[in-house]
Amino acid sequence: MSKTDEAELSLKRTLRELLKKRGLSEREFAKLIRMPPSTIGEWLSGSSPQDLLAIRRAAQLLGVSVSYLLFGTPESIGGQT
């Protein structure tokens, strides 16, 4: 499995888990990070995110690092989120 495939699966799983924990619907979450609901649906179906700023906003809103959101790991390379 490629790193891209792993990231897509992790994002799908992690995002679904975090939305459930915070009681957010896909539509509510999309509005909060200023993205179309269809984009969130794509992420949850396993599509790779194309907008890195949206991923960063999503991670900040959910209180996790970008690395955790994308790869399920608590720290990113060099300590950057």
C-alpha atoms as a PDB file:
ATOM      1  CA  MET A   1       0.000   0.000   0.000  1.00  0.00           C
ATOM      2  CA  SER A   2       1.384   3.425  -0.948  1.00  0.00           C
ATOM      3  CA  LYS A   3       1.750   6.343   1.461  1.00  0.00           C
ATOM      4  CA  THR A   4      -1.034   8.130  -0.419  1.00  0.00           C
ATOM      5  CA  ASP A   5      -3.367   5.163   0.040  1.00  0.00           C
ATOM      6  CA  GLU A   6      -2.471   4.985   3.727  1.00  0.00           C
ATOM      7  CA  ALA A   7      -3.128   8.715   4.178  1.00  0.00           C
ATOM      8  CA  GLU A   8      -6.520   8.465   2.457  1.00  0.00           C
ATOM      9  CA  LEU A   9      -7.588   5.560   4.681  1.00  0.00           C
ATOM     10  CA  SER A  10      -6.297   7.271   7.808  1.00  0.00           C
ATOM     11  CA  LEU A  11      -7.989  10.578   6.983  1.00  0.00           C
ATOM     12  CA  LYS A  12     -11.260   8.772   6.323  1.00  0.00           C
ATOM     13  CA  ARG A  13     -11.100   6.851   9.601  1.00  0.00           C
ATOM     14  CA  THR A  14      -9.710   9.678  11.757  1.00  0.00           C
ATOM     15  CA  LEU A  15     -12.034  12.372  10.440  1.00  0.00           C
ATOM     16  CA  ARG A  16     -15.104  10.173  10.891  1.00  0.00           C
ATOM     17  CA  GLU A  17     -14.022   9.397  14.480  1.00  0.00           C
ATOM     18  CA  LEU A  18     -13.308  13.050  15.345  1.00  0.00           C
ATOM     19  CA  LEU A  19     -16.588  14.305  13.884  1.00  0.00           C
ATOM     20  CA  LYS A  20     -18.482  11.710  15.888  1.00  0.00           C
ATOM     21  CA  LYS A  21     -16.630  12.612  19.121  1.00  0.00           C
ATOM     22  CA  ARG A  22     -17.455  16.289  18.630  1.00  0.00           C
ATOM     23  CA  GLY A  23     -21.033  15.699  17.542  1.00  0.00           C
ATOM     24  CA  LEU A  24     -20.549  17.431  14.182  1.00  0.00           C
ATOM     25  CA  SER A  25     -22.321  16.537  10.970  1.00  0.00           C
ATOM     26  CA  GLU A  26     -20.478  16.660   7.657  1.00  0.00           C
ATOM     27  CA  ARG A  27     -22.471  19.763   6.714  1.00  0.00           C
ATOM     28  CA  GLU A  28     -21.743  21.570  10.007  1.00  0.00           C
ATOM     29  CA  PHE A  29     -18.062  20.726   9.759  1.00  0.00           C
ATOM     30  CA  ALA A  30     -17.884  21.876   6.136  1.00  0.00           C
ATOM     31  CA  LYS A  31     -19.399  25.230   7.091  1.00  0.00           C
ATOM     32  CA  LEU A  32     -16.923  25.664   9.959  1.00  0.00           C
ATOM     33  CA  ILE A  33     -13.886  25.106   7.729  1.00  0.00           C
ATOM     34  CA  ARG A  34     -15.423  27.013   4.807  1.00  0.00           C
ATOM     35  CA  MET A  35     -15.556  24.091   2.374  1.00  0.00           C
ATOM     36  CA  PRO A  36     -18.417  22.627   0.337  1.00  0.00           C
ATOM     37  CA  PRO A  37     -20.107  19.666   2.049  1.00  0.00           C
ATOM     38  CA  SER A  38     -19.287  17.591  -1.033  1.00  0.00           C
ATOM     39  CA  THR A  39     -15.574  17.991  -0.261  1.00  0.00           C
ATOM     40  CA  ILE A  40     -16.031  16.573   3.233  1.00  0.00           C
ATOM     41  CA  GLY A  41     -18.031  13.732   1.717  1.00  0.00           C
ATOM     42  CA  GLU A  42     -15.147  13.033  -0.650  1.00  0.00           C
ATOM     43  CA  TRP A  43     -12.656  12.956   2.234  1.00  0.00           C
ATOM     44  CA  LEU A  44     -14.912  10.580   4.163  1.00  0.00           C
ATOM     45  CA  SER A  45     -15.231   8.306   1.148  1.00  0.00           C
ATOM     46  CA  GLY A  46     -11.448   8.043   0.868  1.00  0.00           C
ATOM     47  CA  SER A  47     -10.530  10.712  -1.671  1.00  0.00           C
ATOM     48  CA  SER A  48      -7.242  12.472  -1.150  1.00  0.00           C
ATOM     49  CA  PRO A  49      -7.579  16.087   0.010  1.00  0.00           C
ATOM     50  CA  GLN A  50      -6.419  18.646  -2.545  1.00  0.00           C
ATOM     51  CA  ASP A  51      -6.631  21.800  -0.420  1.00  0.00           C
ATOM     52  CA  LEU A  52      -3.922  21.795   2.231  1.00  0.00           C
ATOM     53  CA  LEU A  53      -5.206  24.995   3.824  1.00  0.00           C
ATOM     54  CA  ALA A  54      -8.554  23.272   4.354  1.00  0.00           C
ATOM     55  CA  ILE A  55      -6.782  20.319   5.982  1.00  0.00           C
ATOM     56  CA  ARG A  56      -4.942  22.706   8.282  1.00  0.00           C
ATOM     57  CA  ARG A  57      -8.212  24.481   9.215  1.00  0.00           C
ATOM     58  CA  ALA A  58      -9.843  21.094   9.797  1.00  0.00           C
ATOM     59  CA  ALA A  59      -7.027  19.962  12.095  1.00  0.00           C
ATOM     60  CA  GLN A  60      -7.118  23.230  14.055  1.00  0.00           C
ATOM     61  CA  LEU A  61     -10.881  23.075  14.462  1.00  0.00           C
ATOM     62  CA  LEU A  62     -10.714  19.467  15.643  1.00  0.00           C
ATOM     63  CA  GLY A  63      -7.800  20.176  17.982  1.00  0.00           C
ATOM     64  CA  VAL A  64      -5.354  17.759  16.359  1.00  0.00           C
ATOM     65  CA  SER A  65      -2.205  18.047  14.282  1.00  0.00           C
ATOM     66  CA  VAL A  66      -2.295  17.799  10.501  1.00  0.00           C
ATOM     67  CA  SER A  67      -0.126  14.716  10.862  1.00  0.00           C
ATOM     68  CA  TYR A  68      -2.651  13.065  13.148  1.00  0.00           C
ATOM     69  CA  LEU A  69      -5.525  13.908  10.837  1.00  0.00           C
ATOM     70  CA  LEU A  70      -3.757  12.574   7.751  1.00  0.00           C
ATOM     71  CA  PHE A  71      -1.689   9.709   9.138  1.00  0.00           C
ATOM     72  CA  GLY A  72      -3.056   8.915  12.578  1.00  0.00           C
ATOM     73  CA  THR A  73       0.254   9.882  14.191  1.00  0.00           C
ATOM     74  CA  PRO A  74       0.491  12.412  17.034  1.00  0.00           C
ATOM     75  CA  GLU A  75       3.540  14.276  15.747  1.00  0.00           C
ATOM     76  CA  SER A  76       4.545  15.397  12.299  1.00  0.00           C
ATOM     77  CA  ILE A  77       8.072  15.549  10.933  1.00  0.00           C
ATOM     78  CA  GLY A  78      10.034  18.348  12.559  1.00  0.00           C
ATOM     79  CA  GLY A  79       7.246  19.024  15.063  1.00  0.00           C
ATOM     80  CA  GLN A  80       5.243  21.067  12.537  1.00  0.00           C
ATOM     81  CA  THR A  81       1.474  20.686  12.366  1.00  0.00           C
END
